[in-house]
N, C-alpha and C. Protein backbone atom coordinates (compact mmCIF):
# COMPACT_ATOMS: atom_id res chain seq x y z
N MET A 1 23.60 28.69 8.99
CA MET A 1 23.92 29.42 10.12
C MET A 1 24.25 28.63 11.27
N PHE A 2 24.61 29.47 12.13
CA PHE A 2 25.49 29.34 13.87
C PHE A 2 25.38 30.38 14.18
N ARG A 3 24.80 30.80 15.49
CA ARG A 3 25.17 31.62 16.53
C ARG A 3 26.13 31.21 17.67
N LYS A 4 26.60 32.33 18.13
CA LYS A 4 27.24 32.40 19.32
C LYS A 4 27.02 33.10 20.52
N TYR A 5 26.55 32.70 21.74
CA TYR A 5 26.09 33.71 22.91
C TYR A 5 27.06 33.54 24.15
N ASP A 6 27.11 34.41 25.20
CA ASP A 6 27.95 34.81 25.71
C ASP A 6 26.66 34.04 27.17
N GLN A 7 27.66 34.09 28.16
CA GLN A 7 26.73 33.16 29.64
C GLN A 7 25.61 33.94 30.10
N ARG A 8 25.41 35.38 29.71
CA ARG A 8 24.21 35.53 29.83
C ARG A 8 23.52 35.71 28.91
N GLY A 9 23.53 34.65 27.92
CA GLY A 9 22.51 34.81 26.71
C GLY A 9 22.45 35.83 25.57
N ARG A 10 23.18 36.91 25.35
CA ARG A 10 23.50 37.87 24.59
C ARG A 10 24.29 37.23 23.20
N LEU A 11 23.31 37.86 22.57
CA LEU A 11 23.96 37.46 20.82
C LEU A 11 25.49 38.01 20.78
N LEU A 12 26.34 36.80 20.49
CA LEU A 12 28.30 37.74 20.19
C LEU A 12 28.18 37.31 18.49
N PHE A 13 27.61 36.75 17.87
CA PHE A 13 27.78 37.13 16.29
C PHE A 13 27.13 35.63 15.95
N GLU A 14 26.89 36.01 14.97
CA GLU A 14 25.76 35.18 13.51
C GLU A 14 26.78 34.66 12.72
N ARG A 15 26.81 33.70 11.72
CA ARG A 15 27.45 33.71 10.77
C ARG A 15 26.56 32.79 10.02
N HIS A 16 26.76 32.67 8.15
CA HIS A 16 26.26 32.13 7.85
C HIS A 16 27.83 31.45 6.50
N ILE A 17 26.50 29.83 6.70
CA ILE A 17 27.88 28.93 6.19
C ILE A 17 27.72 29.16 5.04
N GLU A 18 28.86 29.76 4.45
CA GLU A 18 29.32 29.87 2.87
C GLU A 18 30.54 29.50 2.21
N ARG A 19 30.27 28.64 1.13
CA ARG A 19 31.49 28.45 0.33
C ARG A 19 31.10 28.02 -0.97
N VAL A 20 31.76 27.62 -2.66
CA VAL A 20 32.08 27.13 -3.76
C VAL A 20 31.39 25.56 -2.92
N GLU A 21 31.61 24.98 -2.01
CA GLU A 21 31.43 23.27 -2.26
C GLU A 21 29.93 23.45 -2.19
N LEU A 22 29.68 24.49 -1.71
CA LEU A 22 27.82 24.85 -1.09
C LEU A 22 26.65 24.70 -2.34
N ASP A 23 27.97 25.57 -3.42
CA ASP A 23 26.51 25.85 -4.54
C ASP A 23 26.01 24.84 -5.53
N PRO A 24 26.55 23.71 -6.06
CA PRO A 24 25.97 22.89 -6.26
C PRO A 24 24.69 23.04 -5.54
N LEU A 25 24.42 22.05 -4.71
CA LEU A 25 23.53 21.82 -3.67
C LEU A 25 22.42 23.00 -3.34
N ILE A 26 22.99 23.91 -2.98
CA ILE A 26 22.09 25.49 -2.93
C ILE A 26 21.55 25.54 -4.64
N ALA A 27 21.86 25.65 -5.12
CA ALA A 27 21.52 25.31 -6.83
C ALA A 27 20.47 24.87 -7.15
N ALA A 28 20.66 23.41 -6.54
CA ALA A 28 19.43 22.16 -6.71
C ALA A 28 18.13 22.64 -5.82
N PHE A 29 18.24 23.50 -5.27
CA PHE A 29 16.92 23.56 -4.57
C PHE A 29 15.85 23.52 -4.81
N PRO A 30 14.65 23.51 -5.07
CA PRO A 30 13.53 24.10 -5.44
C PRO A 30 12.82 25.35 -5.60
N THR A 31 12.40 26.24 -6.13
CA THR A 31 11.87 27.35 -5.46
C THR A 31 10.64 27.12 -5.14
N VAL A 32 10.26 26.08 -5.32
CA VAL A 32 8.62 25.91 -4.69
C VAL A 32 8.71 24.15 -4.56
N TRP A 33 8.84 24.20 -3.40
CA TRP A 33 8.35 22.86 -3.09
C TRP A 33 6.81 22.03 -2.95
N PRO A 34 6.97 20.77 -3.42
CA PRO A 34 5.83 20.28 -3.66
C PRO A 34 5.12 20.27 -1.90
N PRO A 35 3.50 20.36 -2.33
CA PRO A 35 3.19 20.29 -0.96
C PRO A 35 2.84 19.15 0.03
N ARG A 36 2.81 18.24 1.14
CA ARG A 36 2.72 17.18 1.27
C ARG A 36 1.83 17.21 2.37
N PRO A 37 0.26 16.46 2.17
CA PRO A 37 -0.42 16.46 2.93
C PRO A 37 0.18 15.86 4.45
N ASP A 38 -0.26 16.75 5.64
CA ASP A 38 -0.22 16.62 6.87
C ASP A 38 -1.81 15.89 7.45
N ALA A 39 -1.59 14.98 7.57
CA ALA A 39 -3.58 14.56 7.43
C ALA A 39 -3.40 14.65 9.32
N SER A 40 -2.65 14.73 10.07
CA SER A 40 -2.95 14.60 11.74
C SER A 40 -3.26 16.69 11.76
N ALA A 41 -2.49 17.73 11.34
CA ALA A 41 -2.90 19.11 11.22
C ALA A 41 -3.92 19.67 10.04
N ARG A 42 -3.81 18.39 9.04
CA ARG A 42 -4.49 18.83 7.70
C ARG A 42 -4.19 20.53 7.74
N ARG A 43 -2.89 20.42 7.20
CA ARG A 43 -2.11 21.44 6.89
C ARG A 43 -1.13 20.39 5.39
N GLU A 44 -0.33 21.07 5.06
CA GLU A 44 0.78 21.29 3.94
C GLU A 44 1.95 21.69 4.81
N VAL A 45 2.67 19.87 4.54
CA VAL A 45 4.19 20.79 5.08
C VAL A 45 5.13 20.88 4.25
N PRO A 46 6.05 21.99 4.21
CA PRO A 46 7.41 21.70 2.76
C PRO A 46 8.37 20.62 3.46
N LEU A 47 8.85 19.91 2.33
CA LEU A 47 10.23 19.11 3.59
C LEU A 47 11.54 19.96 2.61
N VAL A 48 12.60 20.11 3.16
CA VAL A 48 14.01 20.74 3.06
C VAL A 48 15.09 19.87 2.67
N THR A 49 15.87 19.46 2.04
CA THR A 49 16.50 18.76 1.98
C THR A 49 17.89 18.89 3.11
N PRO A 50 18.45 18.21 3.87
CA PRO A 50 19.38 18.54 4.96
C PRO A 50 20.71 19.11 4.11
N VAL A 51 21.13 19.37 5.01
CA VAL A 51 22.70 20.35 4.31
C VAL A 51 23.80 19.86 5.20
N VAL A 52 23.31 19.77 6.62
CA VAL A 52 24.35 19.55 7.31
C VAL A 52 24.35 18.21 8.42
N ARG A 53 25.45 17.31 8.24
CA ARG A 53 24.95 15.98 8.81
C ARG A 53 25.17 16.27 10.02
N THR A 54 26.28 16.74 10.75
CA THR A 54 26.73 16.57 12.07
C THR A 54 27.54 18.15 12.20
N ALA A 55 27.37 18.41 13.99
CA ALA A 55 28.15 19.40 14.12
C ALA A 55 28.82 19.35 15.65
N VAL A 56 29.77 19.62 15.81
CA VAL A 56 30.36 19.36 17.13
C VAL A 56 31.52 20.42 17.34
N VAL A 57 31.63 20.97 18.64
CA VAL A 57 33.23 21.47 18.66
C VAL A 57 34.18 20.80 19.75
N ASP A 58 35.01 20.89 19.38
CA ASP A 58 36.76 20.28 19.37
C ASP A 58 36.79 21.04 21.11
N PRO A 59 37.56 20.31 21.66
CA PRO A 59 38.19 21.04 22.64
C PRO A 59 39.01 22.05 22.75
N ALA A 60 39.28 22.60 21.73
CA ALA A 60 40.27 24.09 21.58
C ALA A 60 39.27 25.18 21.48
N GLY A 61 37.95 24.59 21.10
CA GLY A 61 36.65 25.61 21.06
C GLY A 61 36.83 25.63 19.52
N ASN A 62 36.80 24.94 18.61
CA ASN A 62 36.88 25.24 17.22
C ASN A 62 35.14 24.19 16.67
N LEU A 63 34.79 25.08 16.11
CA LEU A 63 33.17 24.39 15.99
C LEU A 63 33.57 23.95 14.49
N TRP A 64 32.96 22.25 13.52
CA TRP A 64 33.20 21.65 13.44
C TRP A 64 32.10 20.90 12.39
N VAL A 65 31.86 21.29 11.37
CA VAL A 65 30.69 21.22 10.77
C VAL A 65 30.88 20.21 9.39
N ALA A 66 29.66 19.02 9.39
CA ALA A 66 30.46 18.50 8.28
C ALA A 66 28.77 18.31 7.64
N LEU A 67 29.25 18.51 6.33
CA LEU A 67 27.91 18.78 5.28
C LEU A 67 27.57 17.37 4.76
N VAL A 68 26.75 17.70 4.38
CA VAL A 68 26.00 16.16 3.41
C VAL A 68 27.18 16.11 1.83
N GLN A 69 27.41 17.47 1.82
CA GLN A 69 28.51 16.87 0.75
C GLN A 69 29.90 16.84 1.21
N PRO A 70 30.78 15.91 0.75
CA PRO A 70 31.65 15.54 1.75
C PRO A 70 32.98 16.44 2.27
N PHE A 71 32.34 17.42 2.75
CA PHE A 71 33.20 18.70 3.24
C PHE A 71 32.92 18.89 4.57
N THR A 72 34.27 19.29 5.60
CA THR A 72 33.76 19.84 6.79
C THR A 72 34.23 21.11 7.20
N TYR A 73 33.64 21.99 7.63
CA TYR A 73 34.10 23.64 7.75
C TYR A 73 34.84 23.58 9.10
N VAL A 74 35.24 23.82 9.31
CA VAL A 74 36.50 24.61 10.91
C VAL A 74 36.53 26.00 11.31
N TYR A 75 35.58 26.41 12.32
CA TYR A 75 35.82 27.76 12.47
C TYR A 75 36.65 27.94 13.72
N ASP A 76 37.01 28.77 14.08
CA ASP A 76 37.36 29.24 15.12
C ASP A 76 36.31 30.37 16.66
N GLY A 77 36.65 30.20 17.36
CA GLY A 77 36.09 30.95 18.70
C GLY A 77 35.86 31.92 17.97
N ASP A 78 35.87 32.33 17.02
CA ASP A 78 35.70 33.92 17.00
C ASP A 78 34.56 34.04 15.08
N GLY A 79 34.30 32.40 15.02
CA GLY A 79 33.24 32.41 13.84
C GLY A 79 33.97 32.92 12.30
N ILE A 80 35.46 32.52 12.29
CA ILE A 80 35.99 32.95 11.48
C ILE A 80 36.20 31.26 10.60
N ARG A 81 36.17 31.08 9.72
CA ARG A 81 35.91 29.89 9.05
C ARG A 81 37.81 30.05 8.92
N THR A 82 38.72 28.69 9.37
CA THR A 82 39.90 28.63 9.22
C THR A 82 39.97 27.23 8.49
N ARG A 83 39.54 26.36 8.33
CA ARG A 83 39.78 25.57 7.34
C ARG A 83 38.52 24.83 6.58
N VAL A 84 38.88 24.53 5.24
CA VAL A 84 37.76 23.57 4.80
C VAL A 84 38.36 21.95 4.77
N VAL A 85 37.58 20.64 5.73
CA VAL A 85 38.76 19.57 4.84
C VAL A 85 37.71 18.30 4.66
N GLN A 86 38.57 17.52 3.73
CA GLN A 86 37.46 16.14 3.02
C GLN A 86 38.21 15.16 3.71
N PHE A 87 37.87 14.54 4.60
CA PHE A 87 38.20 13.33 5.19
C PHE A 87 38.41 12.46 3.74
N ARG A 88 39.71 11.99 4.23
CA ARG A 88 39.80 10.16 3.05
C ARG A 88 40.05 9.45 4.13
N GLY A 89 39.63 8.06 3.67
CA GLY A 89 40.05 6.74 4.54
C GLY A 89 40.20 5.70 3.34
N ALA A 90 39.19 4.61 2.89
CA ALA A 90 39.28 3.72 1.89
C ALA A 90 38.71 4.88 0.57
N GLY A 91 38.25 5.62 0.65
CA GLY A 91 37.50 6.90 0.10
C GLY A 91 37.35 8.09 0.66
N ILE A 92 37.02 9.07 -0.10
CA ILE A 92 36.56 9.79 0.43
C ILE A 92 35.06 9.83 1.46
N ILE A 93 35.58 10.25 2.89
CA ILE A 93 34.44 10.52 4.07
C ILE A 93 33.45 11.27 3.90
N ALA A 94 32.07 11.14 4.69
CA ALA A 94 31.07 11.85 4.42
C ALA A 94 30.95 11.69 5.75
N PRO A 95 31.48 12.61 6.83
CA PRO A 95 31.30 12.03 8.07
C PRO A 95 29.85 12.27 8.64
N ALA A 96 29.23 11.24 9.53
CA ALA A 96 28.08 10.85 10.23
C ALA A 96 28.31 11.48 11.75
N SER A 97 29.57 11.70 12.37
CA SER A 97 30.06 11.73 13.67
C SER A 97 31.47 12.10 13.92
N LEU A 98 31.57 12.93 14.28
CA LEU A 98 33.07 13.14 14.76
C LEU A 98 33.17 13.48 16.29
N PHE A 99 34.58 12.57 16.65
CA PHE A 99 34.42 12.68 18.36
C PHE A 99 36.18 12.93 18.17
N PHE A 100 37.00 13.92 19.42
CA PHE A 100 38.04 14.51 19.80
C PHE A 100 38.57 13.31 20.57
N THR A 101 39.40 13.37 20.59
CA THR A 101 40.30 13.02 21.78
C THR A 101 41.20 13.54 22.06
N SER A 102 41.52 13.67 23.34
CA SER A 102 42.70 14.54 23.98
C SER A 102 43.46 14.93 23.51
N ALA A 103 44.38 13.81 22.63
CA ALA A 103 45.54 13.59 21.95
C ALA A 103 45.40 14.77 20.62
N SER A 104 44.54 15.24 20.13
CA SER A 104 44.69 16.24 18.75
C SER A 104 44.43 15.38 18.18
N ARG A 105 43.10 14.84 18.28
CA ARG A 105 43.11 13.60 17.27
C ARG A 105 41.39 13.44 17.12
N VAL A 106 40.85 13.50 15.60
CA VAL A 106 39.56 13.31 15.60
C VAL A 106 38.69 12.02 15.25
N ILE A 107 38.11 11.46 15.53
CA ILE A 107 37.83 10.00 14.87
C ILE A 107 36.53 10.30 14.01
N VAL A 108 36.26 10.32 13.01
CA VAL A 108 34.86 10.13 11.78
C VAL A 108 34.65 8.85 11.80
N ALA A 109 33.20 8.67 11.85
CA ALA A 109 32.55 7.97 11.41
C ALA A 109 31.46 8.32 10.32
N PRO A 110 31.22 7.04 9.78
CA PRO A 110 31.86 5.70 9.38
C PRO A 110 33.04 5.46 9.22
N GLY A 111 33.19 4.29 9.87
CA GLY A 111 34.69 3.90 9.33
C GLY A 111 35.72 3.96 10.66
N CYS A 112 35.27 4.67 11.50
CA CYS A 112 36.17 5.08 13.07
C CYS A 112 37.68 5.26 12.36
N CYS A 113 38.13 5.76 11.07
CA CYS A 113 39.13 6.34 11.02
C CYS A 113 39.55 7.71 11.95
N GLU A 114 40.97 7.34 11.67
CA GLU A 114 41.77 8.83 13.17
C GLU A 114 42.29 9.28 12.40
N PHE A 115 42.34 10.82 12.48
CA PHE A 115 43.01 12.11 11.76
C PHE A 115 43.79 12.72 13.04
N ARG A 116 44.84 13.24 12.52
CA ARG A 116 45.40 14.56 13.40
C ARG A 116 44.51 15.74 13.12
N THR A 117 44.07 16.97 14.34
CA THR A 117 43.45 17.90 13.80
C THR A 117 44.36 19.10 13.59
């Protein structure tokens, strides 16, 4: 889920990240998490598997959300998903980092592969 706020801090919208690529990951979540002792607080803390690897806003104001599954969702400034991207270099890349150049290019790590946006 992500939210967009205006300059005064008012909520403009909230969007849930949903799509067929996430279904297997969500279905594999347990309904009950095993307790894990937290010795410092004397309480139990559940651990949840991450779904998002990284997220960044490009120079045009689009939000790019790279998932643990090797898919990246692109949302425009209104929170509408415009694309689902799967980066391919020597194989399928699950981005840990995205960097945008001024020439409408995205550099994806690992691998430092360059793609047109």
